[in-house]
Every structure is written in structure tokens, then in C-alpha cells.
Amino acid sequence: MPITAQHVRETVNAYLAEHPDEEDSLSALVRTLDRAGDTIASREEFRGHVTAGAALLRPDGRVLTIEHRVLRKWLLPGGHIEESDTALVEAALRELEEETGITPDRVEPDSGLPLHIDVHSIPANPKKGEPQHLHFDFRFLFRTTADMVELQEEEVTAYSWQFADTLTAEPLRSRVLNATR
């Protein structure tokens, strides 16, 4: 069964129980979830839709980042939800494997809760007929000892293992740094 609005709502509620100070920053997500219902997981929901990402941490304190071909930005591995995804954390693992070749058996989830939920705008893409819209990116922390990466070259142009203190987005940076301790 695909990811439902109920699953997203339960995940958001559990996250906000841990991070109540982020209620305002997630208000657009909650509003869109109320209006969109189960289409919140569809990439064709242009009020905004959920995505899933992986903060993959090695024992040496480095985090895997990838260079996104279209956005030309260094990001955590991640992407859109697919019909076959049944949970956000599973979607993050699937995207990690698709983009980097690192299989789930080489990765250990830190918890079932997102490390961070990021709300950001995606520019319009006239070639795909997509207007500007929001991504509600559920980022999960995973641990690994893997270091070999096989890039999915259709979407990713490069990768790098960066020390967590080089991440610039807060509170993601602080939370990954805490996880290294």
C-alpha cells in the first residue's frame, strides 16, 4: 500500500513531539497535508509533496552528499516517493540505494523518526510541465561503514564524504554532529 496521509501525519506528529519548536516551520506541510490528503505523496501534487532523504553517516563522522544534476546543488541522497513505498524511512533507503548503489544491508537506520523535516521550494520545470512547488523532505539518519559508491548518473553527477560540520543547513548540521558523538 502506498504512503498515506495518515502515515505522513503520524510521522509529523511524532517528529513535532520531539521538536515542538519547529511547529511554525512545518505549518505549510500541515496545511498542505490537510488539503491534499493521500495525494501528499504524489509528485504531481503541486501544492507540495513529501520526499525522503538519507543522511548517511560513517564512523569517522563523514556524511555522504551528492551533486544533483538538475538542481546543480550538493544535497543528501533522496527523492520522490513511489507507489511501491509503504513508509517514509523505506523510501529514504530506496532512494539512497538508487542514487548511490549502497544497499540496505550495508546501512543501519538510527531510528524510525526523521532526523529533520525540511520545507523548500523547487523551481518550475517547463520541460516537465511542473510549476514551482514545495518539497517536504523527510530526512532520516542512517549509519554505515561503506565507502564505495556507484552513482546513478541520470540524476547525480558526483559524490563526496563530507565532515558533518561542513553541512550548512540548520538544524540538520547540529543533529548530524550530535549523532557523531
N, C-alpha and C. Protein backbone atom coordinates (compact mmCIF):
# COMPACT_ATOMS: atom_id res chain seq x y z
N MET A 1 0.84 -1.18 0.00
CA MET A 1 0.00 0.00 0.00
C MET A 1 0.88 1.24 0.00
N PRO A 2 0.61 2.20 -0.86
CA PRO A 2 1.44 3.41 -0.93
C PRO A 2 1.36 4.23 0.37
N ILE A 3 2.30 5.14 0.49
CA ILE A 3 2.34 6.03 1.66
C ILE A 3 1.06 6.85 1.71
N THR A 4 0.44 6.87 2.87
CA THR A 4 -0.84 7.55 3.05
C THR A 4 -0.66 8.85 3.83
N ALA A 5 -1.71 9.67 3.77
CA ALA A 5 -1.72 10.90 4.56
C ALA A 5 -1.63 10.56 6.04
N GLN A 6 -2.27 9.48 6.45
CA GLN A 6 -2.22 9.08 7.86
C GLN A 6 -0.78 8.79 8.29
N HIS A 7 -0.03 8.05 7.46
CA HIS A 7 1.37 7.76 7.79
C HIS A 7 2.17 9.05 7.89
N VAL A 8 1.98 9.96 6.95
CA VAL A 8 2.70 11.23 6.97
C VAL A 8 2.32 12.02 8.22
N ARG A 9 1.03 12.08 8.52
CA ARG A 9 0.56 12.83 9.70
C ARG A 9 1.14 12.23 10.99
N GLU A 10 1.13 10.90 11.12
CA GLU A 10 1.69 10.25 12.30
C GLU A 10 3.19 10.54 12.43
N THR A 11 3.89 10.54 11.31
CA THR A 11 5.33 10.82 11.33
C THR A 11 5.58 12.27 11.73
N VAL A 12 4.80 13.20 11.19
CA VAL A 12 4.94 14.61 11.55
C VAL A 12 4.63 14.81 13.03
N ASN A 13 3.56 14.20 13.52
CA ASN A 13 3.20 14.35 14.93
C ASN A 13 4.28 13.81 15.86
N ALA A 14 4.85 12.66 15.52
CA ALA A 14 5.93 12.09 16.34
C ALA A 14 7.16 12.98 16.29
N TYR A 15 7.45 13.53 15.12
CA TYR A 15 8.59 14.44 14.97
C TYR A 15 8.38 15.71 15.81
N LEU A 16 7.19 16.29 15.72
CA LEU A 16 6.91 17.51 16.46
C LEU A 16 6.87 17.27 17.97
N ALA A 17 6.56 16.06 18.40
CA ALA A 17 6.64 15.73 19.82
C ALA A 17 8.09 15.83 20.31
N GLU A 18 9.04 15.52 19.43
CA GLU A 18 10.47 15.63 19.76
C GLU A 18 11.01 17.04 19.53
N HIS A 19 10.40 17.76 18.59
CA HIS A 19 10.89 19.09 18.19
C HIS A 19 9.74 20.09 18.11
N PRO A 20 9.09 20.38 19.24
CA PRO A 20 7.91 21.26 19.22
C PRO A 20 8.22 22.68 18.73
N ASP A 21 9.48 23.09 18.82
CA ASP A 21 9.88 24.42 18.36
C ASP A 21 9.81 24.56 16.84
N GLU A 22 9.60 23.47 16.12
CA GLU A 22 9.53 23.52 14.66
C GLU A 22 8.11 23.56 14.12
N GLU A 23 7.14 23.70 14.99
CA GLU A 23 5.74 23.71 14.54
C GLU A 23 5.49 24.80 13.50
N ASP A 24 6.00 25.99 13.70
CA ASP A 24 5.81 27.07 12.73
C ASP A 24 6.47 26.76 11.39
N SER A 25 7.68 26.22 11.43
CA SER A 25 8.39 25.96 10.17
C SER A 25 7.74 24.83 9.37
N LEU A 26 6.92 24.01 10.03
CA LEU A 26 6.23 22.92 9.33
C LEU A 26 4.77 23.22 9.06
N SER A 27 4.35 24.46 9.28
CA SER A 27 2.93 24.82 9.09
C SER A 27 2.49 24.63 7.64
N ALA A 28 3.35 24.92 6.67
CA ALA A 28 2.98 24.72 5.26
C ALA A 28 2.76 23.24 4.97
N LEU A 29 3.56 22.39 5.56
CA LEU A 29 3.39 20.94 5.41
C LEU A 29 2.05 20.51 5.99
N VAL A 30 1.73 20.94 7.19
CA VAL A 30 0.48 20.54 7.85
C VAL A 30 -0.72 21.05 7.06
N ARG A 31 -0.67 22.30 6.59
CA ARG A 31 -1.77 22.85 5.79
C ARG A 31 -1.96 22.06 4.49
N THR A 32 -0.86 21.77 3.81
CA THR A 32 -0.95 21.03 2.55
C THR A 32 -1.45 19.62 2.79
N LEU A 33 -1.00 19.00 3.85
CA LEU A 33 -1.46 17.66 4.20
C LEU A 33 -2.96 17.65 4.44
N ASP A 34 -3.46 18.67 5.14
CA ASP A 34 -4.91 18.77 5.39
C ASP A 34 -5.70 18.90 4.09
N ARG A 35 -5.16 19.63 3.13
CA ARG A 35 -5.87 19.87 1.87
C ARG A 35 -5.67 18.74 0.86
N ALA A 36 -4.46 18.20 0.80
CA ALA A 36 -4.12 17.23 -0.25
C ALA A 36 -4.52 15.79 0.11
N GLY A 37 -4.56 15.47 1.38
CA GLY A 37 -4.85 14.09 1.77
C GLY A 37 -3.81 13.14 1.22
N ASP A 38 -4.26 12.00 0.71
CA ASP A 38 -3.33 10.97 0.23
C ASP A 38 -2.52 11.38 -0.99
N THR A 39 -2.88 12.46 -1.67
CA THR A 39 -2.05 12.89 -2.81
C THR A 39 -0.78 13.59 -2.33
N ILE A 40 -0.59 13.75 -1.02
CA ILE A 40 0.61 14.39 -0.47
C ILE A 40 1.88 13.64 -0.87
N ALA A 41 1.75 12.36 -1.21
CA ALA A 41 2.92 11.56 -1.60
C ALA A 41 3.12 11.51 -3.12
N SER A 42 2.23 12.17 -3.87
CA SER A 42 2.34 12.16 -5.33
C SER A 42 3.19 13.31 -5.83
N ARG A 43 4.12 13.02 -6.70
CA ARG A 43 4.95 14.08 -7.27
C ARG A 43 4.14 15.02 -8.16
N GLU A 44 2.88 14.68 -8.42
CA GLU A 44 2.00 15.54 -9.22
C GLU A 44 1.12 16.43 -8.34
N GLU A 45 1.34 16.41 -7.03
CA GLU A 45 0.63 17.29 -6.11
C GLU A 45 1.47 18.58 -6.00
N PHE A 46 1.07 19.59 -6.77
CA PHE A 46 1.90 20.79 -6.89
C PHE A 46 1.64 21.85 -5.83
N ARG A 47 0.74 21.59 -4.90
CA ARG A 47 0.68 22.45 -3.71
C ARG A 47 1.91 22.15 -2.85
N GLY A 48 2.43 20.95 -3.03
CA GLY A 48 3.59 20.46 -2.29
C GLY A 48 3.45 18.97 -2.08
N HIS A 49 4.57 18.26 -2.00
CA HIS A 49 4.52 16.83 -1.76
C HIS A 49 5.73 16.38 -0.96
N VAL A 50 5.57 15.22 -0.31
CA VAL A 50 6.65 14.70 0.51
C VAL A 50 7.71 14.03 -0.35
N THR A 51 8.92 14.13 0.13
CA THR A 51 10.07 13.43 -0.43
C THR A 51 10.81 12.80 0.75
N ALA A 52 11.77 11.94 0.46
CA ALA A 52 12.51 11.28 1.52
C ALA A 52 14.00 11.32 1.22
N GLY A 53 14.79 11.59 2.25
CA GLY A 53 16.23 11.69 2.08
C GLY A 53 16.97 10.94 3.17
N ALA A 54 18.26 10.69 2.90
CA ALA A 54 19.10 9.93 3.81
C ALA A 54 20.35 10.72 4.18
N ALA A 55 20.53 10.92 5.48
CA ALA A 55 21.80 11.42 5.99
C ALA A 55 22.59 10.18 6.38
N LEU A 56 23.54 9.81 5.55
CA LEU A 56 24.31 8.58 5.74
C LEU A 56 25.63 8.92 6.42
N LEU A 57 25.81 8.42 7.62
CA LEU A 57 26.94 8.78 8.47
C LEU A 57 27.89 7.60 8.64
N ARG A 58 29.19 7.86 8.41
CA ARG A 58 30.22 6.85 8.64
C ARG A 58 30.81 7.03 10.04
N PRO A 59 31.48 6.00 10.56
CA PRO A 59 32.07 6.12 11.90
C PRO A 59 33.09 7.25 12.04
N ASP A 60 33.70 7.66 10.94
CA ASP A 60 34.68 8.76 11.01
C ASP A 60 34.03 10.14 11.03
N GLY A 61 32.69 10.18 11.10
CA GLY A 61 31.99 11.47 11.19
C GLY A 61 31.69 12.12 9.86
N ARG A 62 31.90 11.40 8.77
CA ARG A 62 31.61 11.95 7.45
C ARG A 62 30.21 11.56 7.00
N VAL A 63 29.59 12.48 6.24
CA VAL A 63 28.24 12.31 5.72
C VAL A 63 28.32 12.32 4.20
N LEU A 64 27.55 11.44 3.57
CA LEU A 64 27.53 11.36 2.11
C LEU A 64 26.67 12.47 1.52
N THR A 65 27.24 13.21 0.58
CA THR A 65 26.48 14.21 -0.18
C THR A 65 26.64 13.88 -1.66
N ILE A 66 25.62 14.26 -2.42
CA ILE A 66 25.64 14.03 -3.86
C ILE A 66 25.36 15.35 -4.58
N GLU A 67 25.90 15.47 -5.77
CA GLU A 67 25.61 16.66 -6.58
C GLU A 67 24.45 16.31 -7.52
N HIS A 68 23.33 17.03 -7.34
CA HIS A 68 22.12 16.79 -8.12
C HIS A 68 22.29 17.39 -9.51
N ARG A 69 22.08 16.59 -10.53
CA ARG A 69 22.31 17.01 -11.92
C ARG A 69 21.45 18.21 -12.32
N VAL A 70 20.15 18.18 -12.03
CA VAL A 70 19.25 19.24 -12.48
C VAL A 70 19.39 20.49 -11.61
N LEU A 71 19.39 20.31 -10.30
CA LEU A 71 19.45 21.47 -9.39
C LEU A 71 20.86 22.04 -9.26
N ARG A 72 21.87 21.25 -9.63
CA ARG A 72 23.27 21.67 -9.53
C ARG A 72 23.62 22.14 -8.13
N LYS A 73 23.18 21.33 -7.17
CA LYS A 73 23.44 21.60 -5.75
C LYS A 73 23.92 20.32 -5.10
N TRP A 74 24.71 20.50 -4.05
CA TRP A 74 25.12 19.37 -3.23
C TRP A 74 24.05 19.12 -2.20
N LEU A 75 23.53 17.89 -2.18
CA LEU A 75 22.40 17.52 -1.33
C LEU A 75 22.65 16.17 -0.68
N LEU A 76 21.80 15.84 0.26
CA LEU A 76 21.76 14.47 0.75
C LEU A 76 21.08 13.61 -0.31
N PRO A 77 21.43 12.33 -0.41
CA PRO A 77 20.69 11.45 -1.32
C PRO A 77 19.21 11.43 -0.94
N GLY A 78 18.34 11.40 -1.94
CA GLY A 78 16.92 11.36 -1.66
C GLY A 78 16.11 11.68 -2.89
N GLY A 79 14.79 11.66 -2.73
CA GLY A 79 13.95 11.97 -3.87
C GLY A 79 12.49 11.69 -3.63
N HIS A 80 11.78 11.56 -4.72
CA HIS A 80 10.33 11.41 -4.69
C HIS A 80 9.88 10.05 -4.17
N ILE A 81 8.68 10.05 -3.65
CA ILE A 81 8.02 8.84 -3.19
C ILE A 81 7.50 8.07 -4.41
N GLU A 82 7.54 6.75 -4.34
CA GLU A 82 7.00 5.92 -5.40
C GLU A 82 5.83 5.10 -4.87
N GLU A 83 4.98 4.64 -5.78
CA GLU A 83 3.79 3.85 -5.41
C GLU A 83 4.15 2.65 -4.55
N SER A 84 5.31 2.07 -4.77
CA SER A 84 5.70 0.86 -4.04
C SER A 84 6.17 1.16 -2.62
N ASP A 85 6.44 2.42 -2.29
CA ASP A 85 6.90 2.78 -0.95
C ASP A 85 5.75 2.68 0.04
N THR A 86 6.01 2.06 1.19
CA THR A 86 4.98 1.93 2.22
C THR A 86 5.27 2.77 3.46
N ALA A 87 6.50 3.26 3.59
CA ALA A 87 6.88 4.10 4.73
C ALA A 87 7.95 5.08 4.27
N LEU A 88 7.97 6.23 4.88
CA LEU A 88 8.92 7.28 4.51
C LEU A 88 10.37 6.82 4.71
N VAL A 89 10.65 6.12 5.80
CA VAL A 89 12.01 5.65 6.05
C VAL A 89 12.44 4.65 4.98
N GLU A 90 11.51 3.81 4.51
CA GLU A 90 11.81 2.87 3.43
C GLU A 90 12.09 3.61 2.12
N ALA A 91 11.34 4.68 1.87
CA ALA A 91 11.57 5.48 0.67
C ALA A 91 12.96 6.11 0.70
N ALA A 92 13.38 6.56 1.88
CA ALA A 92 14.73 7.14 2.01
C ALA A 92 15.79 6.08 1.71
N LEU A 93 15.61 4.87 2.20
CA LEU A 93 16.56 3.79 1.92
C LEU A 93 16.58 3.44 0.43
N ARG A 94 15.41 3.38 -0.19
CA ARG A 94 15.33 3.07 -1.62
C ARG A 94 16.06 4.13 -2.43
N GLU A 95 15.80 5.40 -2.12
CA GLU A 95 16.48 6.49 -2.84
C GLU A 95 17.99 6.44 -2.63
N LEU A 96 18.42 6.15 -1.41
CA LEU A 96 19.85 6.03 -1.13
C LEU A 96 20.47 4.96 -2.02
N GLU A 97 19.83 3.80 -2.10
CA GLU A 97 20.37 2.74 -2.94
C GLU A 97 20.34 3.12 -4.42
N GLU A 98 19.23 3.70 -4.90
CA GLU A 98 19.13 4.07 -6.31
C GLU A 98 20.21 5.07 -6.71
N GLU A 99 20.45 6.06 -5.89
CA GLU A 99 21.37 7.14 -6.26
C GLU A 99 22.83 6.81 -6.01
N THR A 100 23.11 5.90 -5.06
CA THR A 100 24.50 5.66 -4.66
C THR A 100 24.96 4.22 -4.80
N GLY A 101 24.01 3.28 -4.98
CA GLY A 101 24.37 1.88 -5.04
C GLY A 101 24.63 1.25 -3.69
N ILE A 102 24.51 1.99 -2.61
CA ILE A 102 24.72 1.43 -1.27
C ILE A 102 23.43 0.73 -0.85
N THR A 103 23.51 -0.57 -0.69
CA THR A 103 22.33 -1.39 -0.44
C THR A 103 21.91 -1.34 1.04
N PRO A 104 20.62 -1.58 1.29
CA PRO A 104 20.11 -1.52 2.66
C PRO A 104 20.82 -2.44 3.65
N ASP A 105 21.37 -3.56 3.17
CA ASP A 105 22.08 -4.47 4.08
C ASP A 105 23.41 -3.89 4.56
N ARG A 106 23.86 -2.78 3.97
CA ARG A 106 25.11 -2.12 4.38
C ARG A 106 24.83 -0.87 5.20
N VAL A 107 23.54 -0.70 5.59
CA VAL A 107 23.09 0.52 6.26
C VAL A 107 22.27 0.14 7.48
N GLU A 108 22.44 0.91 8.54
CA GLU A 108 21.63 0.69 9.74
C GLU A 108 20.85 1.97 10.06
N PRO A 109 19.51 1.86 10.13
CA PRO A 109 18.72 3.05 10.49
C PRO A 109 19.01 3.47 11.92
N ASP A 110 19.07 4.78 12.16
CA ASP A 110 19.29 5.29 13.51
C ASP A 110 18.00 5.18 14.32
N SER A 111 16.88 5.52 13.70
CA SER A 111 15.56 5.39 14.33
C SER A 111 14.51 5.48 13.23
N GLY A 112 13.27 5.24 13.58
CA GLY A 112 12.20 5.34 12.59
C GLY A 112 11.70 6.75 12.40
N LEU A 113 12.21 7.68 13.22
CA LEU A 113 11.79 9.08 13.12
C LEU A 113 12.75 9.87 12.25
N PRO A 114 12.24 10.87 11.54
CA PRO A 114 13.15 11.72 10.77
C PRO A 114 14.12 12.46 11.69
N LEU A 115 15.32 12.63 11.21
CA LEU A 115 16.30 13.46 11.89
C LEU A 115 15.91 14.92 11.72
N HIS A 116 15.33 15.22 10.55
CA HIS A 116 14.93 16.59 10.22
C HIS A 116 13.86 16.53 9.14
N ILE A 117 12.94 17.48 9.16
CA ILE A 117 11.98 17.66 8.06
C ILE A 117 12.23 19.05 7.51
N ASP A 118 12.60 19.10 6.25
CA ASP A 118 12.93 20.36 5.60
C ASP A 118 11.84 20.73 4.61
N VAL A 119 11.46 21.99 4.61
CA VAL A 119 10.48 22.52 3.65
C VAL A 119 11.24 23.47 2.73
N HIS A 120 11.24 23.18 1.44
CA HIS A 120 11.94 24.05 0.50
C HIS A 120 11.21 24.10 -0.85
N SER A 121 11.44 25.19 -1.54
CA SER A 121 10.80 25.44 -2.82
C SER A 121 11.61 24.83 -3.96
N ILE A 122 10.90 24.23 -4.90
CA ILE A 122 11.51 23.68 -6.11
C ILE A 122 11.10 24.59 -7.27
N PRO A 123 12.07 25.03 -8.06
CA PRO A 123 11.72 25.92 -9.18
C PRO A 123 10.87 25.22 -10.24
N ALA A 124 10.14 26.00 -10.98
CA ALA A 124 9.33 25.48 -12.08
C ALA A 124 10.23 24.76 -13.09
N ASN A 125 9.70 23.72 -13.70
CA ASN A 125 10.41 22.98 -14.73
C ASN A 125 9.48 22.87 -15.94
N PRO A 126 9.53 23.87 -16.85
CA PRO A 126 8.63 23.87 -18.01
C PRO A 126 8.76 22.62 -18.88
N LYS A 127 9.96 22.04 -18.97
CA LYS A 127 10.15 20.84 -19.78
C LYS A 127 9.29 19.68 -19.28
N LYS A 128 9.06 19.64 -17.97
CA LYS A 128 8.24 18.57 -17.39
C LYS A 128 6.82 19.04 -17.10
N GLY A 129 6.53 20.30 -17.40
CA GLY A 129 5.20 20.83 -17.12
C GLY A 129 4.93 20.99 -15.64
N GLU A 130 5.99 21.25 -14.87
CA GLU A 130 5.86 21.38 -13.42
C GLU A 130 5.99 22.83 -12.99
N PRO A 131 4.99 23.34 -12.26
CA PRO A 131 5.12 24.69 -11.71
C PRO A 131 6.04 24.67 -10.48
N GLN A 132 6.41 25.84 -10.03
CA GLN A 132 7.14 25.93 -8.77
C GLN A 132 6.27 25.28 -7.69
N HIS A 133 6.90 24.53 -6.80
CA HIS A 133 6.15 23.85 -5.74
C HIS A 133 7.05 23.58 -4.55
N LEU A 134 6.46 23.09 -3.48
CA LEU A 134 7.21 22.79 -2.27
C LEU A 134 7.54 21.31 -2.17
N HIS A 135 8.71 21.03 -1.62
CA HIS A 135 9.07 19.68 -1.20
C HIS A 135 9.10 19.67 0.31
N PHE A 136 8.49 18.65 0.89
CA PHE A 136 8.53 18.41 2.33
C PHE A 136 9.44 17.19 2.50
N ASP A 137 10.72 17.46 2.76
CA ASP A 137 11.75 16.43 2.72
C ASP A 137 11.97 15.82 4.10
N PHE A 138 11.57 14.56 4.24
CA PHE A 138 11.75 13.82 5.49
C PHE A 138 13.12 13.17 5.43
N ARG A 139 14.05 13.67 6.26
CA ARG A 139 15.43 13.21 6.24
C ARG A 139 15.69 12.27 7.42
N PHE A 140 16.15 11.08 7.10
CA PHE A 140 16.41 10.06 8.11
C PHE A 140 17.91 9.82 8.24
N LEU A 141 18.35 9.55 9.46
CA LEU A 141 19.75 9.25 9.72
C LEU A 141 19.98 7.75 9.61
N PHE A 142 21.01 7.39 8.85
CA PHE A 142 21.46 6.01 8.73
C PHE A 142 22.96 5.97 9.00
N ARG A 143 23.43 4.83 9.44
CA ARG A 143 24.86 4.65 9.69
C ARG A 143 25.39 3.54 8.78
N THR A 144 26.67 3.68 8.40
CA THR A 144 27.28 2.69 7.52
C THR A 144 28.79 2.68 7.71
N THR A 145 29.40 1.59 7.28
CA THR A 145 30.85 1.53 7.16
C THR A 145 31.24 1.50 5.68
N ALA A 146 30.25 1.53 4.81
CA ALA A 146 30.50 1.51 3.36
C ALA A 146 31.20 2.80 2.93
N ASP A 147 32.01 2.69 1.88
CA ASP A 147 32.59 3.90 1.32
C ASP A 147 32.55 3.90 -0.20
N MET A 148 32.31 2.75 -0.81
CA MET A 148 32.22 2.67 -2.26
C MET A 148 30.83 3.09 -2.73
N VAL A 149 30.79 3.96 -3.73
CA VAL A 149 29.54 4.50 -4.24
C VAL A 149 29.49 4.27 -5.75
N GLU A 150 28.32 3.83 -6.24
CA GLU A 150 28.06 3.73 -7.68
C GLU A 150 26.94 4.69 -8.01
N LEU A 151 27.27 5.80 -8.64
CA LEU A 151 26.29 6.86 -8.88
C LEU A 151 25.28 6.50 -9.96
N GLN A 152 24.06 6.95 -9.74
CA GLN A 152 23.01 6.90 -10.75
C GLN A 152 23.21 8.16 -11.60
N GLU A 153 23.86 8.03 -12.72
CA GLU A 153 24.32 9.19 -13.46
C GLU A 153 23.21 10.00 -14.12
N GLU A 154 21.99 9.45 -14.21
CA GLU A 154 20.89 10.23 -14.78
C GLU A 154 20.53 11.41 -13.88
N GLU A 155 20.71 11.24 -12.56
CA GLU A 155 20.31 12.27 -11.61
C GLU A 155 21.48 12.87 -10.83
N VAL A 156 22.58 12.15 -10.73
CA VAL A 156 23.66 12.53 -9.84
C VAL A 156 24.96 12.65 -10.64
N THR A 157 25.70 13.74 -10.43
CA THR A 157 26.94 13.94 -11.18
C THR A 157 28.20 13.64 -10.37
N ALA A 158 28.12 13.68 -9.04
CA ALA A 158 29.30 13.45 -8.21
C ALA A 158 28.85 13.14 -6.78
N TYR A 159 29.80 12.65 -5.99
CA TYR A 159 29.52 12.42 -4.57
C TYR A 159 30.74 12.82 -3.75
N SER A 160 30.49 13.03 -2.46
CA SER A 160 31.58 13.38 -1.56
C SER A 160 31.21 12.98 -0.14
N TRP A 161 32.18 12.47 0.58
CA TRP A 161 32.00 12.20 2.01
C TRP A 161 32.53 13.43 2.74
N GLN A 162 31.63 14.20 3.32
CA GLN A 162 31.99 15.46 3.98
C GLN A 162 31.89 15.32 5.50
N PHE A 163 32.80 16.00 6.21
CA PHE A 163 32.64 16.02 7.66
C PHE A 163 31.35 16.75 7.99
N ALA A 164 30.65 16.25 8.99
CA ALA A 164 29.33 16.78 9.34
C ALA A 164 29.35 18.28 9.61
N ASP A 165 30.46 18.80 10.11
CA ASP A 165 30.50 20.24 10.41
C ASP A 165 30.53 21.11 9.16
N THR A 166 30.66 20.49 7.98
CA THR A 166 30.61 21.28 6.74
C THR A 166 29.18 21.44 6.21
N LEU A 167 28.23 20.68 6.78
CA LEU A 167 26.83 20.88 6.39
C LEU A 167 26.43 22.29 6.80
N THR A 168 25.69 22.97 5.97
CA THR A 168 25.35 24.37 6.27
C THR A 168 23.94 24.56 6.79
N ALA A 169 23.04 23.63 6.50
CA ALA A 169 21.64 23.80 6.89
C ALA A 169 21.43 23.42 8.35
N GLU A 170 20.84 24.32 9.08
CA GLU A 170 20.46 24.04 10.47
C GLU A 170 18.96 23.77 10.50
N PRO A 171 18.47 22.92 11.36
CA PRO A 171 19.18 22.20 12.43
C PRO A 171 19.80 20.87 11.99
N LEU A 172 19.77 20.57 10.69
CA LEU A 172 20.34 19.31 10.21
C LEU A 172 21.80 19.16 10.66
N ARG A 173 22.59 20.21 10.48
CA ARG A 173 24.01 20.17 10.83
C ARG A 173 24.21 19.77 12.29
N SER A 174 23.52 20.46 13.18
CA SER A 174 23.67 20.20 14.61
C SER A 174 23.25 18.78 14.98
N ARG A 175 22.19 18.31 14.36
CA ARG A 175 21.68 16.97 14.68
C ARG A 175 22.62 15.88 14.17
N VAL A 176 23.19 16.08 12.99
CA VAL A 176 24.17 15.10 12.50
C VAL A 176 25.41 15.14 13.36
N LEU A 177 25.87 16.34 13.74
CA LEU A 177 27.03 16.44 14.63
C LEU A 177 26.78 15.74 15.96
N ASN A 178 25.59 15.91 16.51
CA ASN A 178 25.25 15.21 17.76
C ASN A 178 25.30 13.70 17.59
N ALA A 179 24.89 13.24 16.41
CA ALA A 179 24.87 11.79 16.15
C ALA A 179 26.29 11.23 16.02
N THR A 180 27.27 12.08 15.73
CA THR A 180 28.65 11.61 15.60
C THR A 180 29.30 11.38 16.96
N ARG A 181 28.68 11.91 18.00
CA ARG A 181 29.28 11.80 19.34
C ARG A 181 28.88 10.51 20.02
